[in-house]
Amino acid sequence: MAPPLSWPELEQLLPPQTEAELQRQRCDGPTNAQAQLRLFGRPESEVRVTLYRDHHAWCPYCQKVWLWLEEQRIPYRIRKVTMFCYGEKEPWFTQRVPSGMLPALELDGHLITESDVILEALERSFGPLGQGLSDPDVLPLRQLERRLFRAWCQWLCYCEGEGAHTASAEQHFARMAGLVEQALEATAGPFFLERFSTADVIFVPYLERMNASLAYYKGYGLRRHHPAIDRWFSALEQRLTYRGTQSDIHTHAHDLPPQMGCCLSSGGPEQRRLAALVDGGLWPSDEPDLIETRQPEPTDAAREALARMLRHRQRLLAINPEGERQGAAAAERLDQALRCALTNLMAPPAAAAVVPPAGSAAGLRYWRDRISAPRDMSVHAARRLRAALERTAALVGPEQGPPLPLRDRRDQNPAPFVAPFEALSGR
């Protein structure tokens, strides 16, 4: 039986890169969740904006402002704050923003909260992204987005099971999504207006979450049922700015319940099938109701996943409860199991899988369940890594890690990761 690669051997699979080079890439390269400063090739003296957003890179309202800044290429700093769902907010932030509200933004020394108010202030200072929030063509689209949001909440959070008692909520959502399609089809291109604009930014956060949650909890393929929305997503996915802020179905499906209060499942066979595929992380990329992106996988997706795991491997091993609970021997077993999974991640397709130690399946699946896009890595890299962890775990058993909590996600508390790395990357 072939042994897994050692940590130094895994590190040698990555191109050499200094910390300074990594920070320059985060600062001036494509949109990414790890940056603390974005300059787009301009001098730091031009920075007038500080964005306060969540460590988890999940908050929908933060995503809206984040994407706007990236599209406009406005130099800005990022300070990351813990959403209450994941842990306690930092005292330095609540002293500055007593409500704890995210996002917050400092513009020329003035603090602003609420995402739409922030965007209005940014438009006044830097100009709109296409047609602005108050444009007569954008206002009705903003209203439509809220109507769609309410229909989604009604179906997702108040309708459990299948039958006549839930059919009206599903039909109402489908009607609202149909109106969104009509708005998209009113233009020649894939976007809501003649070109990508603030109108699209407004729809991004919750359409992304609807696509994930309705597949997982209702067995409903938003992109399959609504082709114009699918075309809109496909056009978005060609933009590096969107891809850098984009989350995936697994992350949304499991982070939404505490944020929404609850997410109720339909319980039908198709819903249960799709949820099981998402939980296992092994569904094919062309599964019609689980489309996360139509972009082909980049050639460096596995290397991206490996680099992120190597950067944080000590903390990842330390927080895994399977190691904590069972002592030094279990910790060594987990270390070997993780190396097995990463060896399998990087192996050629025809290579024989490296088998992890007996008793390590639950620990591997603990990590599988807590990979978060884009906080940890891009959508494609996350898919690759979840699949490698699951396939490696399946070699030694069906055991699962602790169930993911529904009332909060304190299992994703960023504190163990932030302290050692805050000076470098903020995670």
Protein backbone atom coordinates (compact mmCIF):
# COMPACT_ATOMS: atom_id res chain seq x y z
CA MET A 1 0.00 0.00 0.00
CA ALA A 2 1.49 3.34 -1.06
CA PRO A 3 2.10 5.82 1.75
CA PRO A 4 0.81 9.39 1.55
CA LEU A 5 3.13 12.23 0.65
CA SER A 6 4.84 13.97 3.53
CA TRP A 7 4.11 17.63 4.26
CA PRO A 8 7.38 18.76 2.61
CA GLU A 9 6.58 16.62 -0.44
CA LEU A 10 3.09 18.17 -0.67
CA GLU A 11 4.61 21.64 -0.42
CA GLN A 12 6.91 20.84 -3.34
CA LEU A 13 3.83 20.33 -5.56
CA LEU A 14 3.17 24.07 -5.41
CA PRO A 15 5.11 26.74 -7.30
CA PRO A 16 7.41 28.70 -4.97
CA GLN A 17 5.85 31.97 -3.79
CA THR A 18 6.98 34.38 -1.11
CA GLU A 19 4.55 35.97 1.33
CA ALA A 20 5.20 39.35 -0.32
CA GLU A 21 4.31 37.94 -3.75
CA LEU A 22 1.13 36.41 -2.33
CA GLN A 23 0.08 39.72 -0.80
CA ARG A 24 0.74 41.59 -4.06
CA GLN A 25 -1.44 39.08 -5.91
CA ARG A 26 -4.24 39.53 -3.38
CA CYS A 27 -3.89 43.28 -3.57
CA ASP A 28 -3.72 43.77 -7.33
CA GLY A 29 -4.82 40.46 -8.84
CA PRO A 30 -8.30 39.01 -9.40
CA THR A 31 -11.07 39.47 -6.84
CA ASN A 32 -10.44 37.26 -3.81
CA ALA A 33 -11.80 36.76 -0.30
CA GLN A 34 -8.41 36.82 1.44
CA ALA A 35 -7.31 40.38 0.61
CA GLN A 36 -7.03 43.10 3.22
CA LEU A 37 -6.16 45.79 0.68
CA ARG A 38 -7.23 46.21 -2.94
CA LEU A 39 -5.32 48.73 -5.06
CA PHE A 40 -5.82 47.59 -8.69
CA GLY A 41 -2.29 48.75 -9.47
CA ARG A 42 -2.72 52.24 -7.98
CA PRO A 43 -0.84 53.86 -5.08
CA GLU A 44 -2.09 53.28 -1.55
CA SER A 45 -2.35 57.05 -1.10
CA GLU A 46 -5.49 56.94 -3.27
CA VAL A 47 -7.41 54.79 -0.80
CA ARG A 48 -10.47 56.67 0.49
CA VAL A 49 -12.61 53.67 1.40
CA THR A 50 -12.51 51.03 4.13
CA LEU A 51 -15.02 48.19 3.82
CA TYR A 52 -16.01 46.35 7.01
CA ARG A 53 -17.27 42.94 5.94
CA ASP A 54 -17.61 39.50 7.44
CA HIS A 55 -14.70 37.12 7.96
CA HIS A 56 -16.79 34.37 6.47
CA ALA A 57 -17.23 36.18 3.11
CA TRP A 58 -20.86 35.01 3.26
CA CYS A 59 -22.99 38.04 4.22
CA PRO A 60 -25.26 38.83 1.22
CA TYR A 61 -25.30 42.55 1.89
CA CYS A 62 -21.51 42.63 2.18
CA GLN A 63 -21.29 40.76 -1.12
CA LYS A 64 -23.33 43.48 -2.83
CA VAL A 65 -20.98 46.28 -1.75
CA TRP A 66 -17.87 44.14 -2.25
CA LEU A 67 -18.86 43.30 -5.83
CA TRP A 68 -19.67 46.95 -6.60
CA LEU A 69 -16.23 48.10 -5.41
CA GLU A 70 -14.51 45.38 -7.43
CA GLU A 71 -16.45 46.23 -10.59
CA GLN A 72 -15.61 49.92 -10.24
CA ARG A 73 -12.00 49.14 -9.27
CA ILE A 74 -12.11 51.59 -6.38
CA PRO A 75 -9.01 51.20 -4.16
CA TYR A 76 -10.14 50.15 -0.68
CA ARG A 77 -9.07 48.52 2.56
CA ILE A 78 -10.88 45.58 4.11
CA ARG A 79 -11.38 44.99 7.81
CA LYS A 80 -13.06 41.71 8.64
CA VAL A 81 -15.66 41.28 11.36
CA THR A 82 -17.29 38.15 12.75
CA MET A 83 -20.98 37.76 11.99
CA PHE A 84 -22.87 36.79 15.14
CA CYS A 85 -23.92 33.50 13.55
CA TYR A 86 -20.24 32.40 13.57
CA GLY A 87 -18.97 33.93 16.80
CA GLU A 88 -18.86 37.07 18.93
CA LYS A 89 -18.34 40.37 17.16
CA GLU A 90 -15.02 42.04 17.83
CA PRO A 91 -15.25 44.75 20.53
CA TRP A 92 -13.30 47.23 18.38
CA PHE A 93 -16.11 47.00 15.80
CA THR A 94 -19.07 47.27 18.17
CA GLN A 95 -17.42 50.30 19.77
CA ARG A 96 -17.34 51.88 16.33
CA VAL A 97 -20.70 50.51 15.11
CA PRO A 98 -22.84 49.83 18.23
CA SER A 99 -25.52 48.07 16.18
CA GLY A 100 -22.90 45.61 14.91
CA MET A 101 -24.46 45.99 11.46
CA LEU A 102 -22.60 44.68 8.42
CA PRO A 103 -21.54 45.87 5.99
CA ALA A 104 -20.18 49.16 7.20
CA LEU A 105 -18.05 51.48 5.12
CA GLU A 106 -15.80 54.39 5.89
CA LEU A 107 -15.59 56.94 3.08
CA ASP A 108 -13.28 59.91 3.57
CA GLY A 109 -13.51 59.38 7.33
CA HIS A 110 -17.32 59.14 7.46
CA LEU A 111 -18.89 55.87 8.61
CA ILE A 112 -21.93 54.56 6.72
CA THR A 113 -24.10 51.48 7.30
CA GLU A 114 -26.86 49.69 5.32
CA SER A 115 -25.85 48.38 1.94
CA ASP A 116 -28.11 50.55 -0.24
CA VAL A 117 -27.14 53.71 1.67
CA ILE A 118 -23.49 52.71 1.22
CA LEU A 119 -23.97 52.25 -2.53
CA GLU A 120 -25.70 55.63 -2.83
CA ALA A 121 -22.74 57.29 -1.09
CA LEU A 122 -20.27 55.48 -3.33
CA GLU A 123 -22.22 56.54 -6.43
CA ARG A 124 -22.06 60.17 -5.34
CA SER A 125 -18.30 59.97 -4.82
CA PHE A 126 -17.21 57.72 -7.70
CA GLY A 127 -20.11 57.65 -10.16
CA PRO A 128 -22.65 54.87 -10.75
CA LEU A 129 -21.98 51.41 -12.09
CA GLY A 130 -23.92 51.72 -15.32
CA GLN A 131 -27.32 53.06 -14.31
CA GLY A 132 -27.44 53.91 -10.62
CA LEU A 133 -29.79 53.03 -7.78
CA SER A 134 -32.14 55.95 -8.41
CA ASP A 135 -32.31 55.56 -12.17
CA PRO A 136 -35.93 55.15 -13.42
CA ASP A 137 -34.95 51.87 -15.10
CA VAL A 138 -33.40 50.49 -11.90
CA LEU A 139 -36.07 51.41 -9.34
CA PRO A 140 -38.71 48.90 -10.57
CA LEU A 141 -36.04 46.20 -10.71
CA ARG A 142 -35.16 46.89 -7.08
CA GLN A 143 -38.83 46.46 -6.20
CA LEU A 144 -39.00 43.23 -8.19
CA GLU A 145 -35.97 41.85 -6.35
CA ARG A 146 -37.74 42.46 -3.03
CA ARG A 147 -40.92 40.75 -4.27
CA LEU A 148 -38.88 37.73 -5.36
CA PHE A 149 -37.08 37.72 -2.00
CA ARG A 150 -40.37 37.65 -0.09
CA ALA A 151 -41.76 34.82 -2.25
CA TRP A 152 -38.57 32.80 -1.65
CA CYS A 153 -38.73 33.35 2.12
CA GLN A 154 -42.36 32.31 2.24
CA TRP A 155 -41.70 29.03 0.44
CA LEU A 156 -38.34 28.21 2.04
CA CYS A 157 -39.06 29.13 5.65
CA TYR A 158 -42.79 28.53 6.14
CA CYS A 159 -43.67 25.51 3.96
CA GLU A 160 -42.63 22.03 5.03
CA GLY A 161 -43.37 18.85 3.11
CA GLU A 162 -45.25 18.47 -0.16
CA GLY A 163 -48.90 18.83 -1.09
CA ALA A 164 -51.65 21.42 -1.40
CA HIS A 165 -50.48 23.31 1.70
CA THR A 166 -47.14 24.18 0.03
CA ALA A 167 -48.15 24.30 -3.65
CA SER A 168 -49.38 27.89 -3.56
CA ALA A 169 -46.05 29.16 -2.16
CA GLU A 170 -44.12 27.27 -4.83
CA GLN A 171 -46.41 28.61 -7.55
CA HIS A 172 -46.08 32.16 -6.24
CA PHE A 173 -42.30 31.90 -6.25
CA ALA A 174 -42.37 30.52 -9.81
CA ARG A 175 -44.53 33.47 -10.89
CA MET A 176 -42.12 35.96 -9.35
CA ALA A 177 -39.16 34.20 -10.98
CA GLY A 178 -41.09 34.37 -14.24
CA LEU A 179 -41.35 38.15 -13.85
CA VAL A 180 -37.59 38.27 -13.33
CA GLU A 181 -37.20 36.32 -16.56
CA GLN A 182 -39.45 38.80 -18.37
CA ALA A 183 -37.25 41.65 -17.13
CA LEU A 184 -34.14 39.86 -18.37
CA GLU A 185 -35.70 39.04 -21.73
CA ALA A 186 -36.63 42.70 -22.26
CA THR A 187 -32.99 43.43 -23.13
CA ALA A 188 -30.92 42.05 -25.99
CA GLY A 189 -28.12 40.84 -23.72
CA PRO A 190 -28.07 38.56 -20.68
CA PHE A 191 -28.23 41.32 -18.05
CA PHE A 192 -31.14 43.33 -16.65
CA LEU A 193 -30.19 46.45 -18.60
CA GLU A 194 -28.17 47.05 -21.74
CA ARG A 195 -24.93 46.22 -19.94
CA PHE A 196 -23.89 44.95 -16.53
CA SER A 197 -24.93 47.50 -13.93
CA THR A 198 -26.05 48.17 -10.38
CA ALA A 199 -29.31 46.39 -11.25
CA ASP A 200 -27.42 43.11 -11.61
CA VAL A 201 -25.42 43.68 -8.42
CA ILE A 202 -28.70 44.04 -6.51
CA PHE A 203 -29.93 40.64 -7.68
CA VAL A 204 -26.65 38.73 -7.20
CA PRO A 205 -26.69 37.88 -3.46
CA TYR A 206 -30.14 36.38 -3.13
CA LEU A 207 -30.49 34.77 -6.54
CA GLU A 208 -27.27 32.93 -5.71
CA ARG A 209 -28.73 31.80 -2.38
CA MET A 210 -32.06 30.89 -3.98
CA ASN A 211 -30.33 28.67 -6.50
CA ALA A 212 -28.60 26.77 -3.69
CA SER A 213 -31.37 26.58 -1.11
CA LEU A 214 -34.24 25.65 -3.40
CA ALA A 215 -32.28 22.73 -4.85
CA TYR A 216 -31.22 21.49 -1.42
CA TYR A 217 -34.46 22.02 0.52
CA LYS A 218 -37.12 21.82 -2.20
CA GLY A 219 -35.60 19.79 -5.03
CA TYR A 220 -36.24 22.75 -7.34
CA GLY A 221 -33.69 23.64 -10.00
CA LEU A 222 -33.90 27.41 -10.39
CA ARG A 223 -31.56 27.48 -13.38
CA ARG A 224 -33.32 24.58 -15.10
CA HIS A 225 -36.82 25.98 -14.63
CA HIS A 226 -35.88 29.54 -15.61
CA PRO A 227 -33.54 29.64 -18.64
CA ALA A 228 -33.20 33.44 -18.69
CA ILE A 229 -31.95 33.35 -15.10
CA ASP A 230 -29.55 30.59 -16.11
CA ARG A 231 -28.22 32.77 -18.95
CA TRP A 232 -27.81 35.64 -16.49
CA PHE A 233 -25.80 33.43 -14.12
CA SER A 234 -23.69 32.13 -17.01
CA ALA A 235 -22.86 35.70 -18.07
CA LEU A 236 -22.01 36.65 -14.47
CA GLU A 237 -19.69 33.68 -14.20
CA GLN A 238 -17.56 35.04 -17.02
CA ARG A 239 -16.66 38.01 -14.80
CA LEU A 240 -13.64 37.58 -12.52
CA THR A 241 -15.22 40.03 -10.10
CA TYR A 242 -18.26 37.83 -9.56
CA ARG A 243 -16.26 34.60 -9.43
CA GLY A 244 -14.15 36.07 -6.63
CA THR A 245 -17.22 36.71 -4.45
CA GLN A 246 -19.21 33.63 -5.47
CA SER A 247 -20.20 31.00 -2.93
CA ASP A 248 -21.36 27.45 -3.62
CA ILE A 249 -24.39 25.28 -2.97
CA HIS A 250 -22.90 23.41 0.01
CA THR A 251 -21.91 26.61 1.82
CA HIS A 252 -25.25 28.33 1.25
CA ALA A 253 -27.38 25.29 2.05
CA HIS A 254 -25.79 24.90 5.48
CA ASP A 255 -25.22 28.55 6.41
CA LEU A 256 -28.70 29.78 5.53
CA PRO A 257 -30.80 28.05 8.25
CA PRO A 258 -29.47 30.06 11.22
CA GLN A 259 -29.54 33.27 9.18
CA MET A 260 -33.13 32.73 7.96
CA GLY A 261 -34.46 31.30 11.22
CA CYS A 262 -35.00 27.95 9.53
CA CYS A 263 -35.13 26.30 6.10
CA LEU A 264 -37.87 23.68 5.68
CA SER A 265 -37.44 20.69 3.41
CA SER A 266 -40.08 19.33 1.06
CA GLY A 267 -39.03 15.78 1.92
CA GLY A 268 -39.77 14.34 -1.51
CA PRO A 269 -37.52 11.74 -3.17
CA GLU A 270 -35.85 14.23 -5.53
CA GLN A 271 -35.20 16.73 -2.75
CA ARG A 272 -33.64 14.04 -0.57
CA ARG A 273 -31.52 12.81 -3.48
CA LEU A 274 -30.17 16.28 -4.24
CA ALA A 275 -29.50 17.05 -0.57
CA ALA A 276 -27.56 13.80 -0.20
CA LEU A 277 -25.45 14.63 -3.25
CA VAL A 278 -24.63 18.08 -1.86
CA ASP A 279 -23.78 16.71 1.58
CA GLY A 280 -21.45 14.10 0.10
CA GLY A 281 -19.78 16.57 -2.23
CA LEU A 282 -19.62 14.12 -5.13
CA TRP A 283 -22.33 15.22 -7.55
CA PRO A 284 -21.41 15.58 -11.24
CA SER A 285 -20.89 19.13 -12.44
CA ASP A 286 -23.67 18.73 -15.03
CA GLU A 287 -26.36 17.62 -12.54
CA PRO A 288 -29.16 19.85 -13.94
CA ASP A 289 -30.61 21.00 -10.61
CA LEU A 290 -27.24 21.50 -8.90
CA ILE A 291 -25.49 23.86 -11.32
CA GLU A 292 -23.08 26.08 -9.40
CA THR A 293 -21.22 27.44 -12.41
CA ARG A 294 -20.99 26.79 -16.13
CA GLN A 295 -17.36 27.91 -16.20
CA PRO A 296 -14.89 25.08 -16.92
CA GLU A 297 -12.69 24.08 -14.03
CA PRO A 298 -9.38 26.00 -14.04
CA THR A 299 -6.28 23.87 -14.38
CA ASP A 300 -5.02 25.10 -11.01
CA ALA A 301 -8.15 24.29 -8.94
CA ALA A 302 -6.51 21.40 -7.09
CA ARG A 303 -3.35 23.43 -6.46
CA GLU A 304 -5.45 26.28 -5.05
CA ALA A 305 -7.13 23.87 -2.63
CA LEU A 306 -3.80 22.35 -1.63
CA ALA A 307 -2.23 25.76 -1.02
CA ARG A 308 -5.04 26.83 1.27
CA MET A 309 -4.97 23.58 3.24
CA LEU A 310 -1.20 23.74 3.65
CA ARG A 311 -1.37 27.31 4.86
CA HIS A 312 -3.79 26.42 7.65
CA ARG A 313 -3.05 22.76 8.26
CA GLN A 314 -1.93 23.12 11.89
CA ARG A 315 -5.11 24.93 12.85
CA LEU A 316 -7.26 22.55 10.80
CA LEU A 317 -5.75 19.63 12.70
CA ALA A 318 -6.09 21.38 16.05
CA ILE A 319 -9.81 22.16 15.74
CA ASN A 320 -10.92 18.77 14.42
CA PRO A 321 -12.92 17.23 17.29
CA GLU A 322 -11.94 13.70 16.30
CA GLY A 323 -8.36 14.51 17.22
CA GLU A 324 -9.18 16.59 20.28
CA ARG A 325 -11.47 13.94 21.75
CA GLN A 326 -9.21 10.92 21.41
CA GLY A 327 -5.74 12.17 22.23
CA ALA A 328 -2.29 12.01 20.65
CA ALA A 329 -2.77 8.76 18.73
CA ALA A 330 -5.93 10.09 17.08
CA ALA A 331 -4.19 13.36 16.25
CA GLU A 332 -1.42 11.46 14.48
CA ARG A 333 -4.03 9.39 12.65
CA LEU A 334 -5.78 12.56 11.47
CA ASP A 335 -2.49 14.07 10.32
CA GLN A 336 -1.86 10.99 8.18
CA ALA A 337 -5.46 10.93 6.93
CA LEU A 338 -5.28 14.55 5.81
CA ARG A 339 -2.03 13.85 3.95
CA CYS A 340 -3.75 10.89 2.28
CA ALA A 341 -6.63 13.09 1.13
CA LEU A 342 -4.30 15.78 -0.20
CA THR A 343 -2.15 13.15 -1.92
CA ASN A 344 -5.30 11.82 -3.61
CA LEU A 345 -6.35 15.39 -4.47
CA MET A 346 -3.12 15.93 -6.42
CA ALA A 347 -2.77 12.45 -7.93
CA PRO A 348 -3.36 11.76 -11.65
CA PRO A 349 -6.86 10.38 -12.39
CA ALA A 350 -5.60 6.84 -13.05
CA ALA A 351 -3.48 6.63 -9.90
CA ALA A 352 -4.45 4.18 -7.16
CA ALA A 353 -5.99 5.92 -4.16
CA VAL A 354 -3.93 6.21 -0.99
CA VAL A 355 -5.89 4.63 1.87
CA PRO A 356 -6.08 6.55 5.16
CA PRO A 357 -5.81 4.92 8.59
CA ALA A 358 -8.80 3.05 9.98
CA GLY A 359 -10.96 5.23 12.18
CA SER A 360 -10.26 8.47 10.30
CA ALA A 361 -13.43 8.72 8.18
CA ALA A 362 -15.36 10.96 10.58
CA GLY A 363 -12.42 13.36 10.90
CA LEU A 364 -12.05 13.66 7.13
CA ARG A 365 -15.77 14.34 6.75
CA TYR A 366 -15.58 16.99 9.48
CA TRP A 367 -13.30 18.99 7.17
CA ARG A 368 -15.39 18.14 4.10
CA ASP A 369 -18.44 19.68 5.73
CA ARG A 370 -16.72 22.91 6.74
CA ILE A 371 -15.01 24.02 3.55
CA SER A 372 -16.51 27.41 2.77
CA ALA A 373 -16.45 29.23 -0.57
CA PRO A 374 -15.23 31.87 -1.17
CA ARG A 375 -13.83 32.32 2.35
CA ASP A 376 -11.43 29.42 1.98
CA MET A 377 -11.12 29.01 -1.78
CA SER A 378 -12.99 29.34 -5.07
CA VAL A 379 -16.03 27.26 -6.01
CA HIS A 380 -14.06 24.89 -8.26
CA ALA A 381 -11.31 24.36 -5.70
CA ALA A 382 -13.88 23.69 -2.97
CA ARG A 383 -15.60 21.07 -5.13
CA ARG A 384 -12.29 19.36 -5.81
CA LEU A 385 -11.31 19.30 -2.15
CA ARG A 386 -14.68 18.09 -0.85
CA ALA A 387 -14.61 15.26 -3.40
CA ALA A 388 -11.07 14.26 -2.39
CA LEU A 389 -11.95 14.23 1.31
CA GLU A 390 -15.11 12.20 0.72
CA ARG A 391 -13.48 9.66 -1.59
CA THR A 392 -10.63 9.21 0.86
CA ALA A 393 -12.99 8.82 3.83
CA ALA A 394 -15.11 6.30 1.92
CA LEU A 395 -12.09 4.00 1.68
CA VAL A 396 -12.27 3.30 5.43
CA GLY A 397 -15.86 3.72 6.53
CA PRO A 398 -19.24 5.46 6.55
CA GLU A 399 -18.72 7.34 9.82
CA GLN A 400 -19.75 11.00 9.78
CA GLY A 401 -18.47 13.90 11.83
CA PRO A 402 -20.76 15.82 14.20
CA PRO A 403 -23.91 17.12 12.47
CA LEU A 404 -23.84 20.68 11.26
CA PRO A 405 -25.73 22.97 13.66
CA LEU A 406 -28.96 24.64 12.53
CA ARG A 407 -29.30 27.45 15.09
CA ASP A 408 -25.86 28.92 14.53
CA ARG A 409 -22.56 28.11 12.84
CA ARG A 410 -20.29 28.58 15.82
CA ASP A 411 -18.44 25.49 14.56
CA GLN A 412 -17.12 27.92 11.91
CA ASN A 413 -15.86 30.50 14.42
CA PRO A 414 -12.96 32.28 12.69
CA ALA A 415 -11.11 33.08 15.93
CA PRO A 416 -8.64 30.14 15.83
CA PHE A 417 -7.62 31.12 12.31
CA VAL A 418 -7.54 34.90 12.58
CA ALA A 419 -5.14 35.34 15.47
CA PRO A 420 -2.07 33.65 13.96
CA PHE A 421 -2.58 35.05 10.46
CA GLU A 422 -4.29 38.43 10.89
CA ALA A 423 -1.07 40.34 10.34
CA LEU A 424 -0.58 38.49 7.09
CA SER A 425 -3.92 37.80 5.48
CA GLY A 426 -6.95 38.00 7.76
CA ARG A 427 -7.47 34.26 6.96
